[in-house]
Amino acid sequence: MVEYQKFTLDNGLKVIVHQDKTTAVVAMNIIYNVGAKDENPELTGFAHFFEHLMFGGSVNIEKYDEPLQKVGGDNNAFTNNDITNYYITLPKENIETSFWLESDRMLNLAFSEKSLEVQRSVVIEEYKQRYLNQPYGDLWLELRPLAYKVHPYQWATIGKNIKHIEDAKMEDVKAFYKKYYNPNNAIMVVAGDVDFDEIKKLSEKWFGPIAAGDEIVRDIPMEPKQTEARFKELRRDVPVNALFKVYHTCSRLDNDYPATDLISDLLGNGKSAILHQKLVKDQKLFNSISCFISGDIHPGTIYVAGYLTEDVDPKVADKAIVDILDEFKNTEVSDEMLNKVKNKYTTANEYSNINILDRAMNLAYYELLGDVEKINTELDNYLKVSASDIKRVAQGLLIESESSTLYYLTKE
């Protein structure tokens, strides 16, 4: 059981306090409710760009990392299609340093031309290294727009086109910051050997004076139901042929999300999973194959990703996957198999809350989903999933006419 207390400042900042007297380290985690899905289709990559810009210095603090390093702290951040997450860990004696640093960059970034150009160069180089200069690097740049035609999940966090970052103007950057980087669009968690009243005082002292931003009205277009199978073939300089299949799933908030997650584990999590046993071990069509879900807040996707054995026809391998998925969705899974993946999830869930920083991240994310108590109840929702639930959800999920398939092949 993860215990916590919460309050909200007058400017809308939600604060969660989790006390753990067994650790000398304090974690501060701030989630901003903005990700790649919130971007203008003509100005993509901005959420990720801001993850970098936020370390470029604020009005009162020229170099973000320096004061943190002086007090023995560490920090980092990440962006996905739904959120942008910033975190700090530091000794509890120096906790106020984290309030000073995070409140100042929430109050006002420096927005110097130098910082803009430095971080622009960093992001462009990241794009080249991760997406262009390594095998299968552009996979998500190809697969997302194949699966999504309307919803902004159609582009990766790096952006639809790196030109959007190359051409980003100062006024565009400032407008994005003004809209999304406000206390009423953020959730802060402070976890460790901390006192609730002290955290409340520090929050009011450092974050209380920051004005709330305008209410954000989101009008994100939902993806319509896919009615025809989609297919694309690529030729790239890669070591082996690969095959990727995508099916649409429910949202992270849906009651069927736990069953959907367990389906991906049954099919493709580890060497005992169905796809590995049948397609790698028995039929030897693939060197490796996995199945996983995106876990998006809006309706997301489930992926089958396989790397083919040499000289195997991709069409033969594709049909083998479809045959196994058809058999899976029309056969009730055994209690033994279902309990096995539930046990795996139980272990993973326990591990996800061992570290104080992970606990802080989880508390912030569940609060963003609308119910922080999910940190304590999510496991029960997984354990309640029955074999009949798995079959029912799989039948509505693994529909070939609603799939998108990418053959990622070696150059001829």
Protein backbone atom coordinates (compact mmCIF):
# COMPACT_ATOMS: atom_id res chain seq x y z
CA MET A 1 0.00 0.00 0.00
CA VAL A 2 1.42 3.37 -1.06
CA GLU A 3 0.16 6.06 1.31
CA TYR A 4 -0.08 9.69 0.30
CA GLN A 5 -1.68 13.04 1.10
CA LYS A 6 -2.67 15.69 -1.41
CA PHE A 7 -3.66 19.33 -1.71
CA THR A 8 -4.14 21.91 -4.46
CA LEU A 9 -2.71 25.43 -4.47
CA ASP A 10 -4.91 28.40 -5.35
CA ASN A 11 -3.24 28.57 -8.78
CA GLY A 12 -4.31 25.01 -9.60
CA LEU A 13 -1.06 23.13 -8.95
CA LYS A 14 -1.89 19.66 -7.60
CA VAL A 15 0.59 18.44 -5.00
CA ILE A 16 0.92 14.89 -3.65
CA VAL A 17 3.12 14.05 -0.66
CA HIS A 18 4.34 10.52 0.00
CA GLN A 19 6.29 9.90 3.19
CA ASP A 20 8.91 7.14 3.42
CA LYS A 21 11.18 7.46 6.44
CA THR A 22 13.45 4.62 5.28
CA THR A 23 15.21 6.66 2.58
CA ALA A 24 17.55 9.64 2.82
CA VAL A 25 16.80 10.63 -0.76
CA VAL A 26 13.88 12.85 -1.73
CA ALA A 27 12.28 12.65 -5.16
CA MET A 28 10.39 15.51 -6.76
CA ASN A 29 8.42 14.63 -9.88
CA ILE A 30 6.45 17.09 -11.98
CA ILE A 31 4.20 15.99 -14.81
CA TYR A 32 2.96 18.57 -17.27
CA ASN A 33 -0.22 17.51 -19.02
CA VAL A 34 1.21 18.00 -22.50
CA GLY A 35 2.64 15.56 -25.00
CA ALA A 36 3.05 15.15 -28.72
CA LYS A 37 -0.70 14.65 -29.15
CA ASP A 38 -1.28 18.27 -28.07
CA GLU A 39 0.84 19.77 -30.83
CA ASN A 40 -0.24 21.75 -33.87
CA PRO A 41 0.10 19.35 -36.86
CA GLU A 42 2.20 22.04 -38.56
CA LEU A 43 4.45 22.54 -35.49
CA THR A 44 5.20 19.03 -34.26
CA GLY A 45 8.04 17.93 -31.99
CA PHE A 46 7.48 20.88 -29.63
CA ALA A 47 6.70 18.84 -26.49
CA HIS A 48 9.98 16.97 -26.85
CA PHE A 49 11.79 20.19 -27.83
CA PHE A 50 10.59 21.74 -24.57
CA GLU A 51 11.93 18.84 -22.56
CA HIS A 52 15.34 20.06 -23.77
CA LEU A 53 14.62 23.79 -23.51
CA MET A 54 13.60 23.44 -19.87
CA PHE A 55 17.24 22.70 -19.02
CA GLY A 56 18.50 25.79 -20.87
CA GLY A 57 18.16 28.14 -17.90
CA SER A 58 15.38 30.25 -16.42
CA VAL A 59 15.19 33.97 -15.63
CA ASN A 60 16.90 33.73 -12.24
CA ILE A 61 18.98 30.57 -12.78
CA GLU A 62 21.34 30.67 -15.73
CA LYS A 63 22.46 27.03 -15.58
CA TYR A 64 19.88 24.61 -14.19
CA ASP A 65 22.28 21.75 -13.41
CA GLU A 66 24.94 23.67 -11.47
CA PRO A 67 23.08 24.43 -8.21
CA LEU A 68 21.61 20.92 -8.20
CA GLN A 69 25.02 19.30 -8.56
CA LYS A 70 26.36 21.43 -5.69
CA VAL A 71 23.81 19.90 -3.30
CA GLY A 72 24.31 16.31 -4.50
CA GLY A 73 21.21 16.16 -6.69
CA ASP A 74 20.41 14.53 -10.00
CA ASN A 75 17.70 15.16 -12.58
CA ASN A 76 16.30 14.18 -15.94
CA ALA A 77 13.10 14.18 -18.00
CA PHE A 78 11.17 12.33 -20.67
CA THR A 79 8.39 13.04 -23.14
CA ASN A 80 5.85 10.79 -24.81
CA ASN A 81 2.69 11.35 -26.80
CA ASP A 82 0.65 12.12 -23.67
CA ILE A 83 2.89 13.73 -21.05
CA THR A 84 6.14 15.53 -20.29
CA ASN A 85 7.76 14.43 -17.04
CA TYR A 86 10.58 16.12 -15.07
CA TYR A 87 12.22 14.69 -11.96
CA ILE A 88 14.86 15.47 -9.35
CA THR A 89 16.44 13.34 -6.64
CA LEU A 90 18.54 14.90 -3.90
CA PRO A 91 19.43 14.52 -0.19
CA LYS A 92 16.49 15.48 2.02
CA GLU A 93 18.56 18.19 3.74
CA ASN A 94 18.64 20.10 0.44
CA ILE A 95 15.03 19.67 -0.55
CA GLU A 96 14.32 23.38 -0.91
CA THR A 97 16.78 23.56 -3.81
CA SER A 98 14.40 21.45 -5.90
CA PHE A 99 11.49 23.81 -5.12
CA TRP A 100 13.60 26.80 -6.12
CA LEU A 101 14.75 25.24 -9.39
CA GLU A 102 11.41 23.84 -10.56
CA SER A 103 9.36 26.86 -9.57
CA ASP A 104 11.69 29.25 -11.37
CA ARG A 105 11.48 27.46 -14.70
CA MET A 106 7.72 27.11 -14.31
CA LEU A 107 7.58 30.86 -13.64
CA ASN A 108 9.62 31.92 -16.66
CA LEU A 109 12.18 30.30 -18.92
CA ALA A 110 15.04 32.47 -20.16
CA PHE A 111 14.20 31.98 -23.86
CA SER A 112 17.52 33.24 -25.12
CA GLU A 113 18.33 32.87 -28.80
CA LYS A 114 21.48 31.01 -27.74
CA SER A 115 19.54 28.42 -25.73
CA LEU A 116 17.05 28.01 -28.57
CA GLU A 117 19.81 27.33 -31.10
CA VAL A 118 21.76 25.02 -28.79
CA GLN A 119 18.75 22.84 -28.02
CA ARG A 120 17.57 22.93 -31.62
CA SER A 121 20.95 21.49 -32.64
CA VAL A 122 20.73 18.83 -29.92
CA VAL A 123 17.28 17.68 -31.08
CA ILE A 124 18.28 17.63 -34.76
CA GLU A 125 21.35 15.55 -33.91
CA GLU A 126 19.19 13.21 -31.82
CA TYR A 127 16.86 12.80 -34.80
CA LYS A 128 19.77 11.87 -37.07
CA GLN A 129 21.30 9.42 -34.60
CA ARG A 130 18.14 7.67 -33.40
CA TYR A 131 15.90 7.76 -36.45
CA LEU A 132 18.18 7.92 -39.49
CA ASN A 133 21.55 6.40 -38.66
CA GLN A 134 20.69 3.10 -37.04
CA PRO A 135 18.93 -0.05 -38.30
CA TYR A 136 15.12 0.14 -38.07
CA GLY A 137 15.52 3.69 -36.72
CA ASP A 138 12.69 5.16 -38.78
CA LEU A 139 10.27 2.37 -37.83
CA TRP A 140 7.98 4.59 -35.77
CA LEU A 141 8.11 7.37 -38.34
CA GLU A 142 6.64 4.84 -40.80
CA LEU A 143 4.41 2.74 -38.56
CA ARG A 144 2.53 5.48 -36.70
CA PRO A 145 1.10 7.21 -39.80
CA LEU A 146 0.17 3.79 -41.18
CA ALA A 147 -1.95 3.01 -38.11
CA TYR A 148 -3.31 6.54 -37.53
CA LYS A 149 -4.79 8.81 -40.16
CA VAL A 150 -6.57 11.40 -37.98
CA HIS A 151 -5.38 11.29 -34.35
CA PRO A 152 -2.07 13.04 -33.53
CA TYR A 153 -0.66 9.71 -32.34
CA GLN A 154 0.24 9.50 -36.03
CA TRP A 155 3.58 11.21 -35.30
CA ALA A 156 6.42 10.28 -32.94
CA THR A 157 7.55 12.62 -30.17
CA ILE A 158 10.47 13.78 -32.33
CA GLY A 159 7.81 15.22 -34.66
CA LYS A 160 6.13 14.51 -37.95
CA ASN A 161 8.94 16.27 -39.78
CA ILE A 162 12.22 17.46 -38.26
CA LYS A 163 11.82 20.61 -40.38
CA HIS A 164 9.24 21.77 -37.82
CA ILE A 165 12.05 22.03 -35.24
CA GLU A 166 14.57 23.37 -37.76
CA ASP A 167 12.14 26.21 -38.58
CA ALA A 168 10.78 26.79 -35.05
CA LYS A 169 10.45 30.52 -34.35
CA MET A 170 10.85 32.18 -30.96
CA GLU A 171 7.21 33.33 -30.93
CA ASP A 172 6.02 29.75 -31.57
CA VAL A 173 8.17 28.45 -28.73
CA LYS A 174 6.97 31.12 -26.29
CA ALA A 175 3.33 30.49 -27.21
CA PHE A 176 3.69 26.76 -26.52
CA TYR A 177 5.27 27.48 -23.13
CA LYS A 178 2.63 30.03 -22.17
CA LYS A 179 -0.18 27.63 -23.02
CA TYR A 180 1.02 24.44 -21.33
CA TYR A 181 3.71 25.20 -18.72
CA ASN A 182 1.47 26.49 -15.98
CA PRO A 183 0.72 25.34 -12.42
CA ASN A 184 -2.88 24.46 -13.31
CA ASN A 185 -1.58 22.07 -16.01
CA ALA A 186 0.89 20.30 -13.71
CA ILE A 187 1.02 17.72 -10.94
CA MET A 188 3.88 17.69 -8.44
CA VAL A 189 4.81 14.76 -6.21
CA VAL A 190 7.33 15.00 -3.38
CA ALA A 191 8.34 11.63 -1.95
CA GLY A 192 10.80 10.56 0.74
CA ASP A 193 11.46 11.27 4.39
CA VAL A 194 9.41 14.45 4.26
CA ASP A 195 6.84 16.19 6.42
CA PHE A 196 3.44 17.04 4.90
CA ASP A 197 3.17 20.46 6.56
CA GLU A 198 6.70 21.39 5.51
CA ILE A 199 6.00 20.41 1.89
CA LYS A 200 2.81 22.44 1.96
CA LYS A 201 4.70 25.51 3.21
CA LEU A 202 7.46 25.10 0.63
CA SER A 203 4.91 24.62 -2.14
CA GLU A 204 3.02 27.78 -1.17
CA LYS A 205 6.28 29.72 -0.80
CA TRP A 206 7.83 28.75 -4.14
CA PHE A 207 4.90 27.84 -6.39
CA GLY A 208 2.03 29.79 -4.83
CA PRO A 209 2.98 33.18 -6.38
CA ILE A 210 3.02 31.75 -9.94
CA ALA A 211 -0.11 32.80 -11.80
CA ALA A 212 -2.40 30.17 -13.27
CA GLY A 213 -2.53 29.92 -17.04
CA ASP A 214 -5.61 30.13 -19.23
CA GLU A 215 -7.86 27.09 -19.20
CA ILE A 216 -6.76 24.67 -21.91
CA VAL A 217 -9.54 23.62 -24.26
CA ARG A 218 -8.45 20.51 -26.12
CA ASP A 219 -10.05 19.53 -29.40
CA ILE A 220 -8.09 16.43 -30.35
CA PRO A 221 -9.66 14.47 -33.22
CA MET A 222 -10.34 10.84 -32.37
CA GLU A 223 -9.31 8.12 -34.80
CA PRO A 224 -12.30 6.71 -36.71
CA LYS A 225 -12.84 2.96 -36.82
CA GLN A 226 -10.52 1.36 -39.36
CA THR A 227 -12.47 -0.65 -41.93
CA GLU A 228 -9.76 -1.92 -44.27
CA ALA A 229 -6.41 -3.60 -43.69
CA ARG A 230 -3.43 -1.38 -44.49
CA PHE A 231 -0.08 -2.52 -45.78
CA LYS A 232 3.31 -0.99 -46.51
CA GLU A 233 6.65 -2.42 -47.61
CA LEU A 234 10.01 -0.75 -47.03
CA ARG A 235 13.49 -1.63 -48.23
CA ARG A 236 16.30 -0.51 -45.96
CA ASP A 237 19.92 -1.28 -45.15
CA VAL A 238 19.09 -3.62 -42.25
CA PRO A 239 20.53 -7.01 -41.21
CA VAL A 240 17.32 -9.09 -41.33
CA ASN A 241 13.77 -8.81 -42.61
CA ALA A 242 11.23 -7.68 -40.02
CA LEU A 243 7.44 -7.67 -39.85
CA PHE A 244 5.23 -5.43 -37.72
CA LYS A 245 1.48 -5.69 -37.25
CA VAL A 246 -0.66 -3.12 -35.44
CA TYR A 247 -4.21 -3.40 -34.10
CA HIS A 248 -6.24 -0.69 -32.37
CA THR A 249 -6.98 -0.99 -28.65
CA CYS A 250 -9.02 0.71 -25.95
CA SER A 251 -7.71 3.70 -23.99
CA ARG A 252 -5.59 3.53 -20.84
CA LEU A 253 -8.68 4.52 -18.86
CA ASP A 254 -10.95 1.80 -20.24
CA ASN A 255 -12.14 -1.06 -18.01
CA ASP A 256 -10.77 -3.51 -20.59
CA TYR A 257 -7.24 -2.10 -20.44
CA PRO A 258 -5.94 -4.73 -17.96
CA ALA A 259 -7.28 -7.55 -20.18
CA THR A 260 -5.68 -5.92 -23.22
CA ASP A 261 -2.34 -5.69 -21.43
CA LEU A 262 -2.54 -9.34 -20.35
CA ILE A 263 -3.36 -10.36 -23.94
CA SER A 264 -0.09 -8.79 -25.10
CA ASP A 265 1.75 -10.72 -22.37
CA LEU A 266 0.08 -14.01 -23.27
CA LEU A 267 0.99 -13.55 -26.91
CA GLY A 268 4.44 -12.09 -26.75
CA ASN A 269 6.08 -11.43 -23.37
CA GLY A 270 9.03 -13.80 -23.08
CA LYS A 271 10.03 -17.19 -24.40
CA SER A 272 7.07 -19.01 -22.86
CA ALA A 273 4.60 -16.75 -24.71
CA ILE A 274 2.42 -18.17 -27.49
CA LEU A 275 4.03 -16.41 -30.46
CA HIS A 276 7.56 -17.37 -29.42
CA GLN A 277 6.64 -20.97 -28.74
CA LYS A 278 4.87 -21.46 -32.06
CA LEU A 279 6.75 -19.21 -34.46
CA VAL A 280 10.30 -19.25 -33.09
CA LYS A 281 10.60 -22.60 -31.34
CA ASP A 282 8.22 -24.80 -33.37
CA GLN A 283 7.87 -23.36 -36.88
CA LYS A 284 11.23 -21.50 -36.83
CA LEU A 285 9.84 -18.68 -38.98
CA PHE A 286 11.23 -15.96 -36.71
CA ASN A 287 14.46 -15.37 -34.81
CA SER A 288 12.49 -13.36 -32.27
CA ILE A 289 8.95 -12.08 -31.89
CA SER A 290 7.15 -10.01 -29.27
CA CYS A 291 3.81 -8.40 -28.55
CA PHE A 292 3.25 -5.19 -26.57
CA ILE A 293 0.79 -2.35 -26.13
CA SER A 294 1.32 1.38 -26.41
CA GLY A 295 -0.48 2.22 -23.15
CA ASP A 296 -1.73 5.55 -24.50
CA ILE A 297 -4.27 7.63 -22.61
CA HIS A 298 -6.45 7.87 -25.71
CA PRO A 299 -7.36 4.67 -27.62
CA GLY A 300 -4.01 3.11 -28.46
CA THR A 301 -2.44 0.17 -30.22
CA ILE A 302 -1.13 -3.36 -29.74
CA TYR A 303 1.93 -4.42 -31.73
CA VAL A 304 3.32 -7.71 -32.95
CA ALA A 305 7.00 -7.24 -33.84
CA GLY A 306 8.98 -10.09 -35.41
CA TYR A 307 12.42 -10.52 -36.97
CA LEU A 308 12.38 -13.24 -39.59
CA THR A 309 14.62 -16.25 -40.02
CA GLU A 310 16.76 -16.05 -43.16
CA ASP A 311 15.01 -16.96 -46.44
CA VAL A 312 11.51 -17.00 -44.89
CA ASP A 313 8.90 -15.37 -47.13
CA PRO A 314 7.36 -12.43 -45.20
CA LYS A 315 3.91 -13.36 -46.55
CA VAL A 316 4.23 -16.86 -45.12
CA ALA A 317 5.33 -15.43 -41.77
CA ASP A 318 2.50 -12.89 -41.85
CA LYS A 319 -0.12 -15.59 -42.47
CA ALA A 320 1.33 -17.67 -39.64
CA ILE A 321 0.84 -14.75 -37.24
CA VAL A 322 -2.74 -14.20 -38.40
CA ASP A 323 -3.53 -17.91 -38.01
CA ILE A 324 -2.23 -17.94 -34.44
CA LEU A 325 -4.13 -14.76 -33.53
CA ASP A 326 -7.33 -16.25 -34.98
CA GLU A 327 -6.83 -19.42 -32.96
CA PHE A 328 -6.05 -17.40 -29.83
CA LYS A 329 -9.16 -15.22 -30.00
CA ASN A 330 -11.44 -18.20 -30.60
CA THR A 331 -10.04 -20.41 -27.83
CA GLU A 332 -10.35 -19.74 -24.12
CA VAL A 333 -6.91 -19.49 -22.55
CA SER A 334 -6.09 -21.99 -19.77
CA ASP A 335 -6.12 -20.92 -16.13
CA GLU A 336 -2.46 -21.97 -15.91
CA MET A 337 -1.39 -19.60 -18.71
CA LEU A 338 -3.52 -16.73 -17.40
CA ASN A 339 -2.20 -17.12 -13.85
CA LYS A 340 1.35 -17.17 -15.19
CA VAL A 341 1.04 -13.74 -16.83
CA LYS A 342 -0.85 -12.39 -13.82
CA ASN A 343 2.04 -13.49 -11.60
CA LYS A 344 4.49 -11.77 -13.95
CA TYR A 345 2.43 -8.58 -13.77
CA THR A 346 2.21 -8.82 -9.96
CA THR A 347 6.00 -9.02 -9.73
CA ALA A 348 6.50 -6.14 -12.19
CA ASN A 349 3.94 -4.04 -10.30
CA GLU A 350 5.76 -4.61 -7.01
CA TYR A 351 9.13 -3.75 -8.54
CA SER A 352 7.66 -0.58 -10.07
CA ASN A 353 7.09 0.83 -6.59
CA ILE A 354 10.32 -0.21 -4.84
CA ASN A 355 12.31 2.86 -5.83
CA ILE A 356 11.23 6.19 -4.28
CA LEU A 357 11.48 7.98 -7.64
CA ASP A 358 9.38 5.34 -9.38
CA ARG A 359 6.73 5.71 -6.67
CA ALA A 360 6.72 9.48 -7.21
CA MET A 361 6.33 9.02 -10.97
CA ASN A 362 3.52 6.51 -10.54
CA LEU A 363 1.61 8.75 -8.13
CA ALA A 364 1.87 11.68 -10.55
CA TYR A 365 0.77 9.61 -13.53
CA TYR A 366 -2.24 8.03 -11.80
CA GLU A 367 -3.33 11.47 -10.61
CA LEU A 368 -3.12 12.64 -14.22
CA LEU A 369 -5.31 9.69 -15.22
CA GLY A 370 -7.86 10.99 -12.74
CA ASP A 371 -7.42 8.65 -9.78
CA VAL A 372 -4.17 8.56 -7.79
CA GLU A 373 -5.57 5.63 -5.78
CA LYS A 374 -5.02 3.45 -8.87
CA ILE A 375 -1.47 3.01 -7.59
CA ASN A 376 -3.03 0.73 -4.97
CA THR A 377 -5.97 -0.74 -6.89
CA GLU A 378 -4.57 -1.40 -10.37
CA LEU A 379 -3.21 -4.81 -9.40
CA ASP A 380 -6.67 -5.94 -8.26
CA ASN A 381 -8.10 -4.96 -11.66
CA TYR A 382 -5.56 -7.23 -13.37
CA LEU A 383 -6.17 -10.13 -10.99
CA LYS A 384 -9.94 -9.94 -11.66
CA VAL A 385 -9.50 -10.55 -15.40
CA SER A 386 -11.00 -13.92 -16.37
CA ALA A 387 -10.31 -16.25 -19.29
CA SER A 388 -13.66 -15.25 -20.76
CA ASP A 389 -12.62 -11.57 -20.53
CA ILE A 390 -9.46 -12.39 -22.47
CA LYS A 391 -11.43 -14.12 -25.22
CA ARG A 392 -14.06 -11.37 -25.42
CA VAL A 393 -11.53 -8.55 -25.63
CA ALA A 394 -9.30 -10.44 -28.08
CA GLN A 395 -12.24 -11.00 -30.44
CA GLY A 396 -12.91 -7.27 -30.58
CA LEU A 397 -9.22 -6.47 -30.87
CA LEU A 398 -7.43 -8.85 -33.23
CA ILE A 399 -9.43 -8.11 -36.38
CA GLU A 400 -7.38 -8.39 -39.55
CA SER A 401 -9.50 -5.89 -41.50
CA GLU A 402 -8.61 -3.32 -38.83
CA SER A 403 -4.87 -4.03 -38.88
CA SER A 404 -1.86 -2.22 -40.32
CA THR A 405 1.09 -4.30 -41.46
CA LEU A 406 4.61 -3.14 -42.28
CA TYR A 407 7.18 -5.32 -44.03
CA TYR A 408 10.57 -3.85 -43.14
CA LEU A 409 12.91 -5.67 -45.53
CA THR A 410 16.59 -5.78 -46.42
CA LYS A 411 17.72 -4.14 -49.63
CA GLU A 412 17.60 -6.45 -52.67
